[in-house]
C-alpha atoms as a PDB file:
ATOM      1  CA  MET A   1      49.158 -22.113 -45.105  1.00  0.00           C
ATOM      2  CA  ALA A   2      47.305 -19.198 -47.018  1.00  0.00           C
ATOM      3  CA  ARG A   3      44.039 -21.258 -46.937  1.00  0.00           C
ATOM      4  CA  THR A   4      44.195 -21.608 -43.314  1.00  0.00           C
ATOM      5  CA  PHE A   5      44.677 -17.757 -42.803  1.00  0.00           C
ATOM      6  CA  PHE A   6      41.935 -17.030 -45.687  1.00  0.00           C
ATOM      7  CA  ALA A   7      39.533 -19.545 -44.043  1.00  0.00           C
ATOM      8  CA  ALA A   8      40.323 -18.169 -40.333  1.00  0.00           C
ATOM      9  CA  THR A   9      39.682 -14.473 -41.845  1.00  0.00           C
ATOM     10  CA  LEU A  10      36.609 -15.133 -43.299  1.00  0.00           C
ATOM     11  CA  PHE A  11      35.394 -16.992 -40.075  1.00  0.00           C
ATOM     12  CA  ALA A  12      36.495 -13.769 -38.165  1.00  0.00           C
ATOM     13  CA  CYS A  13      34.417 -11.696 -40.514  1.00  0.00           C
ATOM     14  CA  VAL A  14      31.339 -13.814 -40.245  1.00  0.00           C
ATOM     15  CA  LEU A  15      31.519 -13.716 -36.181  1.00  0.00           C
ATOM     16  CA  SER A  16      31.659  -9.914 -36.325  1.00  0.00           C
ATOM     17  CA  ALA A  17      28.837  -9.361 -38.551  1.00  0.00           C
ATOM     18  CA  GLN A  18      26.528 -11.008 -36.493  1.00  0.00           C
ATOM     19  CA  LYS A  19      24.455  -8.974 -34.135  1.00  0.00           C
ATOM     20  CA  PRO A  20      24.582  -9.672 -30.416  1.00  0.00           C
ATOM     21  CA  ALA A  21      21.851 -11.808 -29.040  1.00  0.00           C
ATOM     22  CA  VAL A  22      19.157 -10.031 -27.312  1.00  0.00           C
ATOM     23  CA  THR A  23      17.529 -11.377 -24.897  1.00  0.00           C
ATOM     24  CA  PRO A  24      13.754 -10.952 -24.583  1.00  0.00           C
ATOM     25  CA  PRO A  25      12.022  -8.903 -21.984  1.00  0.00           C
ATOM     26  CA  GLU A  26      10.511 -10.913 -19.329  1.00  0.00           C
ATOM     27  CA  PRO A  27       6.905 -12.016 -19.577  1.00  0.00           C
ATOM     28  CA  PRO A  28       4.056 -10.353 -17.185  1.00  0.00           C
ATOM     29  CA  GLU A  29       3.796 -12.258 -14.018  1.00  0.00           C
ATOM     30  CA  GLU A  30       1.664 -15.214 -14.546  1.00  0.00           C
ATOM     31  CA  ASP A  31       0.524 -15.851 -10.940  1.00  0.00           C
ATOM     32  CA  GLU A  32      -1.417 -12.821 -10.144  1.00  0.00           C
ATOM     33  CA  SER A  33      -0.895 -13.144  -6.351  1.00  0.00           C
ATOM     34  CA  LEU A  34       2.408 -12.251  -6.556  1.00  0.00           C
ATOM     35  CA  ALA A  35       1.509  -9.224  -8.979  1.00  0.00           C
ATOM     36  CA  PRO A  36       1.422  -5.903  -6.983  1.00  0.00           C
ATOM     37  CA  LYS A  37      -2.296  -4.944  -6.251  1.00  0.00           C
ATOM     38  CA  VAL A  38      -4.027  -1.745  -7.762  1.00  0.00           C
ATOM     39  CA  TYR A  39      -6.491   0.175  -6.284  1.00  0.00           C
ATOM     40  CA  ALA A  40      -9.196   2.320  -8.033  1.00  0.00           C
ATOM     41  CA  LEU A  41     -11.759   4.492  -6.276  1.00  0.00           C
ATOM     42  CA  ASN A  42     -14.406   1.590  -5.345  1.00  0.00           C
ATOM     43  CA  PRO A  43     -16.332   2.734  -2.358  1.00  0.00           C
ATOM     44  CA  VAL A  44     -18.333  -0.419  -2.289  1.00  0.00           C
ATOM     45  CA  GLN A  45     -15.420  -2.646  -1.702  1.00  0.00           C
ATOM     46  CA  ALA A  46     -14.388  -0.126   0.885  1.00  0.00           C
ATOM     47  CA  LYS A  47     -17.320  -0.362   2.716  1.00  0.00           C
ATOM     48  CA  LYS A  48     -16.964  -4.219   2.575  1.00  0.00           C
ATOM     49  CA  GLU A  49     -13.558  -3.853   4.198  1.00  0.00           C
ATOM     50  CA  ILE A  50     -15.163  -1.463   6.886  1.00  0.00           C
ATOM     51  CA  VAL A  51     -17.709  -3.976   7.922  1.00  0.00           C
ATOM     52  CA  VAL A  52     -15.265  -6.820   8.107  1.00  0.00           C
ATOM     53  CA  GLY A  53     -12.732  -4.423   9.770  1.00  0.00           C
ATOM     54  CA  ASP A  54     -15.500  -3.777  12.550  1.00  0.00           C
ATOM     55  CA  GLN A  55     -16.223  -7.564  12.832  1.00  0.00           C
ATOM     56  CA  TYR A  56     -12.493  -7.585  14.126  1.00  0.00           C
ATOM     57  CA  PHE A  57     -12.854  -4.518  15.934  1.00  0.00           C
ATOM     58  CA  LYS A  58     -15.672  -6.079  18.176  1.00  0.00           C
ATOM     59  CA  LYS A  59     -13.348  -9.280  18.623  1.00  0.00           C
ATOM     60  CA  SER A  60     -10.798  -7.040  20.116  1.00  0.00           C
ATOM     61  CA  ASN A  61      -8.275  -8.252  16.998  1.00  0.00           C
ATOM     62  CA  TYR A  62      -7.416  -4.120  16.336  1.00  0.00           C
ATOM     63  CA  SER A  63      -4.354  -5.256  14.483  1.00  0.00           C
ATOM     64  CA  ALA A  64      -6.462  -7.111  11.740  1.00  0.00           C
ATOM     65  CA  ALA A  65      -9.172  -4.403  12.121  1.00  0.00           C
ATOM     66  CA  ALA A  66      -6.402  -1.862  11.328  1.00  0.00           C
ATOM     67  CA  ARG A  67      -5.333  -3.687   7.955  1.00  0.00           C
ATOM     68  CA  ARG A  68      -9.047  -3.747   6.949  1.00  0.00           C
ATOM     69  CA  TYR A  69      -9.221  -0.103   7.526  1.00  0.00           C
ATOM     70  CA  VAL A  70      -6.243   0.644   5.435  1.00  0.00           C
ATOM     71  CA  GLU A  71      -7.510  -1.420   2.717  1.00  0.00           C
ATOM     72  CA  ALA A  72     -10.541   0.304   2.847  1.00  0.00           C
ATOM     73  CA  THR A  73      -8.759   4.048   2.862  1.00  0.00           C
ATOM     74  CA  ARG A  74      -6.705   2.480  -0.362  1.00  0.00           C
ATOM     75  CA  TRP A  75     -10.233   1.709  -2.058  1.00  0.00           C
ATOM     76  CA  ASP A  76     -11.944   5.114  -0.982  1.00  0.00           C
ATOM     77  CA  PRO A  77      -9.338   7.741   0.157  1.00  0.00           C
ATOM     78  CA  GLY A  78     -12.298   9.911   0.800  1.00  0.00           C
ATOM     79  CA  SER A  79     -13.749   7.829   3.295  1.00  0.00           C
ATOM     80  CA  ALA A  80     -13.768   9.870   6.578  1.00  0.00           C
ATOM     81  CA  GLU A  81     -15.492   6.587   8.329  1.00  0.00           C
ATOM     82  CA  GLY A  82     -12.580   4.470   7.092  1.00  0.00           C
ATOM     83  CA  PHE A  83      -9.689   7.023   8.438  1.00  0.00           C
ATOM     84  CA  LEU A  84     -11.809   7.254  11.918  1.00  0.00           C
ATOM     85  CA  LYS A  85     -12.035   3.597  12.301  1.00  0.00           C
ATOM     86  CA  LEU A  86      -8.212   3.229  11.400  1.00  0.00           C
ATOM     87  CA  GLY A  87      -7.476   6.041  13.793  1.00  0.00           C
ATOM     88  CA  GLU A  88      -9.443   4.460  16.677  1.00  0.00           C
ATOM     89  CA  ALA A  89      -7.952   0.715  15.870  1.00  0.00           C
ATOM     90  CA  ARG A  90      -4.238   2.270  16.128  1.00  0.00           C
ATOM     91  CA  GLU A  91      -5.217   4.252  19.107  1.00  0.00           C
ATOM     92  CA  LYS A  92      -6.295   0.874  20.405  1.00  0.00           C
ATOM     93  CA  LEU A  93      -2.688  -0.588  19.651  1.00  0.00           C
ATOM     94  CA  HIS A  94      -0.887   2.250  21.439  1.00  0.00           C
ATOM     95  CA  GLN A  95       0.376   3.431  17.950  1.00  0.00           C
ATOM     96  CA  TYR A  96      -0.244   6.984  18.507  1.00  0.00           C
ATOM     97  CA  GLY A  97       1.872   8.433  15.581  1.00  0.00           C
ATOM     98  CA  PRO A  98      -0.081   6.328  12.977  1.00  0.00           C
ATOM     99  CA  ALA A  99      -3.318   6.967  14.867  1.00  0.00           C
ATOM    100  CA  ARG A 100      -2.626  10.830  14.883  1.00  0.00           C
ATOM    101  CA  GLU A 101      -2.001  10.592  10.947  1.00  0.00           C
ATOM    102  CA  ALA A 102      -5.344   8.789  10.355  1.00  0.00           C
ATOM    103  CA  TYR A 103      -7.556  11.238  12.809  1.00  0.00           C
ATOM    104  CA  SER A 104      -5.649  14.073  11.239  1.00  0.00           C
ATOM    105  CA  LYS A 105      -6.947  12.977   7.533  1.00  0.00           C
ATOM    106  CA  TYR A 106     -10.394  12.336   9.190  1.00  0.00           C
ATOM    107  CA  ILE A 107     -10.393  15.872  10.601  1.00  0.00           C
ATOM    108  CA  GLU A 108      -9.713  17.088   6.815  1.00  0.00           C
ATOM    109  CA  LEU A 109     -12.617  14.670   5.293  1.00  0.00           C
ATOM    110  CA  ALA A 110     -15.408  15.081   7.888  1.00  0.00           C
ATOM    111  CA  GLU A 111     -18.298  17.281   7.764  1.00  0.00           C
ATOM    112  CA  ASP A 112     -19.646  17.375  11.633  1.00  0.00           C
ATOM    113  CA  PRO A 113     -17.651  20.102  13.221  1.00  0.00           C
ATOM    114  CA  LYS A 114     -18.648  18.414  16.570  1.00  0.00           C
ATOM    115  CA  GLU A 115     -16.997  15.380  15.776  1.00  0.00           C
ATOM    116  CA  LYS A 116     -13.816  16.927  14.647  1.00  0.00           C
ATOM    117  CA  ASP A 117     -13.582  18.627  18.100  1.00  0.00           C
ATOM    118  CA  ALA A 118     -13.922  15.584  19.995  1.00  0.00           C
ATOM    119  CA  VAL A 119     -11.361  13.853  17.979  1.00  0.00           C
ATOM    120  CA  ARG A 120      -9.221  16.918  18.469  1.00  0.00           C
ATOM    121  CA  LYS A 121      -9.639  16.523  22.342  1.00  0.00           C
ATOM    122  CA  LYS A 122      -8.663  12.882  22.326  1.00  0.00           C
ATOM    123  CA  MET A 123      -5.356  13.545  20.666  1.00  0.00           C
ATOM    124  CA  ASP A 124      -4.503  16.325  22.816  1.00  0.00           C
ATOM    125  CA  LYS A 125      -4.917  13.500  25.803  1.00  0.00           C
ATOM    126  CA  TRP A 126      -2.135  11.460  24.227  1.00  0.00           C
ATOM    127  CA  PRO A 127       1.387  11.274  25.071  1.00  0.00           C
ATOM    128  CA  ASP A 128       4.030  12.939  22.934  1.00  0.00           C
ATOM    129  CA  ASP A 129       5.049  10.823  19.574  1.00  0.00           C
ATOM    130  CA  LYS A 130       8.624  10.732  21.012  1.00  0.00           C
ATOM    131  CA  SER A 131       7.614   9.322  24.388  1.00  0.00           C
ATOM    132  CA  HIS A 132       5.770   6.008  22.687  1.00  0.00           C
ATOM    133  CA  LYS A 133       7.478   4.140  20.080  1.00  0.00           C
END
Protein backbone atom coordinates (compact mmCIF):
# COMPACT_ATOMS: atom_id res chain seq x y z
CA MET A 1 0.00 0.00 0.00
CA ALA A 2 2.85 2.35 0.76
CA ARG A 3 4.30 1.70 -2.67
CA THR A 4 0.99 2.61 -4.37
CA PHE A 5 0.71 5.79 -2.33
CA PHE A 6 4.33 6.69 -3.12
CA ALA A 7 3.81 6.01 -6.86
CA ALA A 8 0.60 8.06 -6.93
CA THR A 9 2.28 10.97 -5.13
CA LEU A 10 5.28 10.83 -7.46
CA PHE A 11 2.98 10.75 -10.51
CA ALA A 12 0.99 13.75 -9.20
CA CYS A 13 4.21 15.72 -8.64
CA VAL A 14 5.41 15.00 -12.17
CA LEU A 15 2.09 16.11 -13.68
CA SER A 16 1.97 19.32 -11.66
CA ALA A 17 5.55 20.20 -12.62
CA GLN A 18 4.78 20.07 -16.33
CA LYS A 19 4.09 23.37 -18.06
CA PRO A 20 0.70 23.77 -19.69
CA ALA A 21 0.67 23.24 -23.43
CA VAL A 22 1.02 26.51 -25.30
CA THR A 23 -0.74 26.74 -28.63
CA PRO A 24 1.45 28.33 -31.28
CA PRO A 25 0.15 31.52 -32.93
CA GLU A 26 -1.70 31.09 -36.18
CA PRO A 27 0.46 31.47 -39.27
CA PRO A 28 -0.36 34.29 -41.69
CA GLU A 29 -3.10 33.70 -44.23
CA GLU A 30 -1.75 31.61 -47.10
CA ASP A 31 -4.48 32.60 -49.53
CA GLU A 32 -3.61 36.20 -50.35
CA SER A 33 -7.05 36.85 -51.81
CA LEU A 34 -8.52 36.49 -48.31
CA ALA A 35 -6.04 38.86 -46.70
CA PRO A 36 -7.25 42.46 -46.29
CA LYS A 37 -6.09 44.80 -49.05
CA VAL A 38 -3.51 47.39 -48.04
CA TYR A 39 -3.59 50.70 -49.87
CA ALA A 40 -0.48 52.81 -50.28
CA LEU A 41 -0.26 56.06 -52.19
CA ASN A 42 -0.24 55.00 -55.85
CA PRO A 43 -1.47 57.69 -58.28
CA VAL A 44 -0.78 55.46 -61.30
CA GLN A 45 -3.10 52.74 -59.99
CA ALA A 46 -5.66 55.41 -59.09
CA LYS A 47 -5.62 56.71 -62.67
CA LYS A 48 -6.13 53.16 -64.00
CA GLU A 49 -9.13 52.72 -61.73
CA ILE A 50 -10.57 56.03 -62.95
CA VAL A 51 -10.16 54.99 -66.60
CA VAL A 52 -11.96 51.70 -65.97
CA GLY A 53 -14.62 53.54 -63.97
CA ASP A 54 -15.13 55.90 -66.92
CA GLN A 55 -15.78 52.92 -69.19
CA TYR A 56 -18.42 51.59 -66.80
CA PHE A 57 -19.93 55.07 -66.51
CA LYS A 58 -20.25 55.36 -70.32
CA LYS A 59 -22.09 52.01 -70.33
CA SER A 60 -24.48 53.36 -67.65
CA ASN A 61 -23.21 50.82 -65.10
CA TYR A 62 -23.00 53.43 -62.37
CA SER A 63 -22.59 51.06 -59.43
CA ALA A 64 -19.53 49.42 -61.02
CA ALA A 65 -18.18 52.85 -61.89
CA ALA A 66 -18.67 54.01 -58.30
CA ARG A 67 -16.77 50.97 -56.99
CA ARG A 68 -13.85 51.79 -59.29
CA TYR A 69 -13.86 55.43 -58.25
CA VAL A 70 -13.84 54.38 -54.59
CA GLU A 71 -10.79 52.23 -55.33
CA ALA A 72 -9.16 55.23 -57.04
CA THR A 73 -9.75 57.43 -54.00
CA ARG A 74 -8.22 54.77 -51.77
CA TRP A 75 -5.11 54.54 -53.93
CA ASP A 76 -4.82 58.35 -54.09
CA PRO A 77 -6.80 60.16 -51.38
CA GLY A 78 -5.70 63.50 -52.85
CA SER A 79 -7.27 62.85 -56.25
CA ALA A 80 -9.88 65.55 -56.85
CA GLU A 81 -10.85 63.86 -60.12
CA GLY A 82 -11.59 60.59 -58.34
CA PHE A 83 -13.90 62.27 -55.82
CA LEU A 84 -15.66 64.30 -58.54
CA LYS A 85 -16.40 61.20 -60.60
CA LEU A 86 -17.43 59.25 -57.51
CA GLY A 87 -19.92 62.00 -56.72
CA GLU A 88 -21.27 61.91 -60.28
CA ALA A 89 -21.74 58.14 -60.18
CA ARG A 90 -23.45 58.24 -56.80
CA GLU A 91 -25.67 61.07 -58.03
CA LYS A 92 -26.76 58.92 -60.99
CA LEU A 93 -27.62 56.17 -58.49
CA HIS A 94 -29.72 58.70 -56.50
CA GLN A 95 -27.45 58.18 -53.48
CA TYR A 96 -27.41 61.83 -52.55
CA GLY A 97 -25.82 61.45 -49.11
CA PRO A 98 -22.70 59.60 -50.34
CA ALA A 99 -22.61 61.85 -53.43
CA ARG A 100 -22.65 64.90 -51.17
CA GLU A 101 -19.69 63.46 -49.18
CA ALA A 102 -17.69 62.81 -52.36
CA TYR A 103 -18.46 66.25 -53.76
CA SER A 104 -17.53 67.88 -50.45
CA LYS A 105 -14.17 66.16 -50.56
CA TYR A 106 -13.78 67.28 -54.17
CA ILE A 107 -14.50 70.88 -53.15
CA GLU A 108 -11.73 70.64 -50.52
CA LEU A 109 -9.23 69.32 -53.07
CA ALA A 110 -10.17 71.19 -56.27
CA GLU A 111 -8.28 74.24 -57.36
CA ASP A 112 -10.71 75.75 -59.91
CA PRO A 113 -13.24 77.99 -58.11
CA LYS A 114 -15.69 77.89 -61.07
CA GLU A 115 -15.98 74.12 -60.85
CA LYS A 116 -16.40 74.32 -57.09
CA ASP A 117 -19.29 76.73 -57.50
CA ALA A 118 -20.91 74.53 -60.15
CA VAL A 119 -20.77 71.52 -57.83
CA ARG A 120 -22.22 73.55 -54.93
CA LYS A 121 -25.11 74.75 -57.11
CA LYS A 122 -25.78 71.18 -58.22
CA MET A 123 -25.88 69.96 -54.61
CA ASP A 124 -28.27 72.78 -53.62
CA LYS A 125 -30.85 71.43 -56.09
CA TRP A 126 -30.90 67.97 -54.51
CA PRO A 127 -33.58 66.84 -52.08
CA ASP A 128 -32.68 66.70 -48.38
CA ASP A 129 -30.75 63.65 -47.20
CA LYS A 130 -33.61 62.68 -44.89
CA SER A 131 -36.24 62.48 -47.65
CA HIS A 132 -34.14 60.09 -49.82
CA LYS A 133 -32.75 56.95 -48.23
